[in-house]
Amino acid sequence: MVKIFETKIVDVGPEAEEMINGANMLILFGQGAPADLAEYCFTIDNKNLNDDITSGGRLKIDDLEFTITAVGNLVNTNLSNLGHITISFDGSSQASLPGTLHVDGNRGPVISVGSIVSFWK
């Protein structure tokens, strides 16, 4: 597999961990997210996507790996332009929203400042 994206978590909003624990979703946003959204987001330092994220690819968060099961039609655009996507840990084969990426698993990971997030194809 080839790495198509890598970023580091540089800030964690006060409600971001609850989104993982309560809603099983991880929200990434590039630096400069609107304040009302930033509190629910993990802020990333890179939005340079080298190729499209596709179903069957892999998401890696630190040492954990997840298979991508569905990709909303705005995931690649939003990640490239804003550094913003929502990752849902539900294994759905259909994207629930245009900016949502679905991966296998029934529980999101523990993430902190310095965690590395990457996509592989």
Protein backbone atom coordinates (compact mmCIF):
# COMPACT_ATOMS: atom_id res chain seq x y z
CA MET A 1 0.00 0.00 0.00
CA VAL A 2 1.05 3.59 -0.66
CA LYS A 3 0.63 6.41 1.85
CA ILE A 4 -1.52 9.15 0.31
CA PHE A 5 -1.91 11.44 3.33
CA GLU A 6 -0.32 11.99 6.72
CA THR A 7 -0.97 14.58 9.37
CA LYS A 8 -0.37 15.21 13.04
CA ILE A 9 -2.94 16.19 15.66
CA VAL A 10 -1.91 19.63 16.95
CA ASP A 11 -4.90 20.46 19.16
CA VAL A 12 -7.86 18.67 20.72
CA GLY A 13 -11.14 20.50 21.26
CA PRO A 14 -12.73 20.11 24.72
CA GLU A 15 -15.63 18.04 23.28
CA ALA A 16 -13.64 16.08 20.66
CA GLU A 17 -13.02 12.99 22.79
CA GLU A 18 -16.71 12.83 23.70
CA MET A 19 -17.55 12.67 19.99
CA ILE A 20 -15.46 9.50 19.77
CA ASN A 21 -16.77 8.00 23.02
CA GLY A 22 -20.40 9.04 22.64
CA ALA A 23 -21.04 9.17 18.89
CA ASN A 24 -18.25 6.89 17.62
CA MET A 25 -17.10 9.68 15.30
CA LEU A 26 -13.81 11.51 14.89
CA ILE A 27 -13.89 15.00 13.41
CA LEU A 28 -10.72 16.37 11.80
CA PHE A 29 -10.36 20.02 10.88
CA GLY A 30 -7.39 22.03 9.64
CA GLN A 31 -6.05 24.96 11.59
CA GLY A 32 -8.44 27.90 11.60
CA ALA A 33 -11.66 25.96 12.16
CA PRO A 34 -14.63 28.12 13.21
CA ALA A 35 -14.68 28.38 17.02
CA ASP A 36 -18.09 26.72 17.39
CA LEU A 37 -16.82 23.68 15.45
CA ALA A 38 -13.27 23.60 16.83
CA GLU A 39 -14.46 22.48 20.26
CA TYR A 40 -15.63 19.17 18.70
CA CYS A 41 -12.58 18.68 16.45
CA PHE A 42 -9.11 17.27 16.41
CA THR A 43 -7.06 19.97 14.69
CA ILE A 44 -4.56 18.77 12.07
CA ASP A 45 -1.49 20.44 10.58
CA ASN A 46 -1.66 19.16 6.99
CA LYS A 47 -4.26 18.97 4.26
CA ASN A 48 -2.11 17.86 1.32
CA LEU A 49 -3.87 14.81 -0.06
CA ASN A 50 -1.76 13.03 -2.70
CA ASP A 51 -4.54 10.82 -4.16
CA ASP A 52 -8.23 10.13 -3.58
CA ILE A 53 -9.26 8.17 -0.51
CA THR A 54 -11.28 5.14 -1.63
CA SER A 55 -13.18 2.23 -0.10
CA GLY A 56 -10.87 -0.66 0.65
CA GLY A 57 -8.02 1.66 1.60
CA ARG A 58 -6.68 1.99 5.11
CA LEU A 59 -6.83 4.57 7.86
CA LYS A 60 -4.00 4.43 10.39
CA ILE A 61 -4.08 6.31 13.66
CA ASP A 62 -0.80 5.83 15.48
CA ASP A 63 -0.45 2.02 15.68
CA LEU A 64 -4.11 1.20 14.94
CA GLU A 65 -5.35 0.35 11.45
CA PHE A 66 -8.89 0.45 10.05
CA THR A 67 -10.31 -0.59 6.66
CA ILE A 68 -12.21 2.16 4.85
CA THR A 69 -15.72 0.92 4.04
CA ALA A 70 -17.39 4.00 2.47
CA VAL A 71 -16.33 7.46 1.32
CA GLY A 72 -18.72 10.40 1.03
CA ASN A 73 -18.52 12.33 -2.24
CA LEU A 74 -17.03 15.43 -0.55
CA VAL A 75 -14.43 13.70 1.65
CA ASN A 76 -11.49 14.23 -0.69
CA THR A 77 -12.44 17.83 -1.56
CA ASN A 78 -13.09 18.82 2.06
CA LEU A 79 -9.88 17.23 3.31
CA SER A 80 -7.82 18.96 0.61
CA ASN A 81 -9.48 22.37 1.00
CA LEU A 82 -10.25 22.56 4.71
CA GLY A 83 -8.52 19.63 6.38
CA HIS A 84 -12.05 18.66 7.42
CA ILE A 85 -13.69 15.25 7.43
CA THR A 86 -15.74 13.16 9.82
CA ILE A 87 -14.66 9.57 10.37
CA SER A 88 -17.38 7.21 11.56
CA PHE A 89 -16.32 3.93 13.19
CA ASP A 90 -19.40 1.96 12.17
CA GLY A 91 -18.35 -0.16 9.17
CA SER A 92 -21.16 1.18 6.99
CA SER A 93 -20.88 0.38 3.29
CA GLN A 94 -22.88 3.53 2.40
CA ALA A 95 -21.70 7.05 3.19
CA SER A 96 -24.23 8.69 5.52
CA LEU A 97 -23.20 12.26 4.63
CA PRO A 98 -21.09 13.74 1.81
CA GLY A 99 -18.19 14.64 4.14
CA THR A 100 -18.15 11.40 6.11
CA LEU A 101 -15.69 8.54 5.79
CA HIS A 102 -16.71 5.18 7.28
CA VAL A 103 -14.29 2.59 8.61
CA ASP A 104 -14.63 -0.85 10.13
CA GLY A 105 -14.78 -1.15 13.86
CA ASN A 106 -17.27 -0.41 16.55
CA ARG A 107 -15.13 1.86 18.68
CA GLY A 108 -12.92 4.81 17.90
CA PRO A 109 -9.33 5.10 19.10
CA VAL A 110 -7.74 7.17 21.84
CA ILE A 111 -6.15 10.20 20.19
CA SER A 112 -4.08 13.02 21.64
CA VAL A 113 -1.88 15.90 20.55
CA GLY A 114 0.97 14.38 18.56
CA SER A 115 -1.04 11.42 17.24
CA ILE A 116 -0.38 10.63 13.58
CA VAL A 117 -3.29 10.07 11.18
CA SER A 118 -2.60 8.63 7.72
CA PHE A 119 -4.49 7.22 4.76
CA TRP A 120 -3.18 4.41 2.56
CA LYS A 121 -4.26 3.13 -0.83
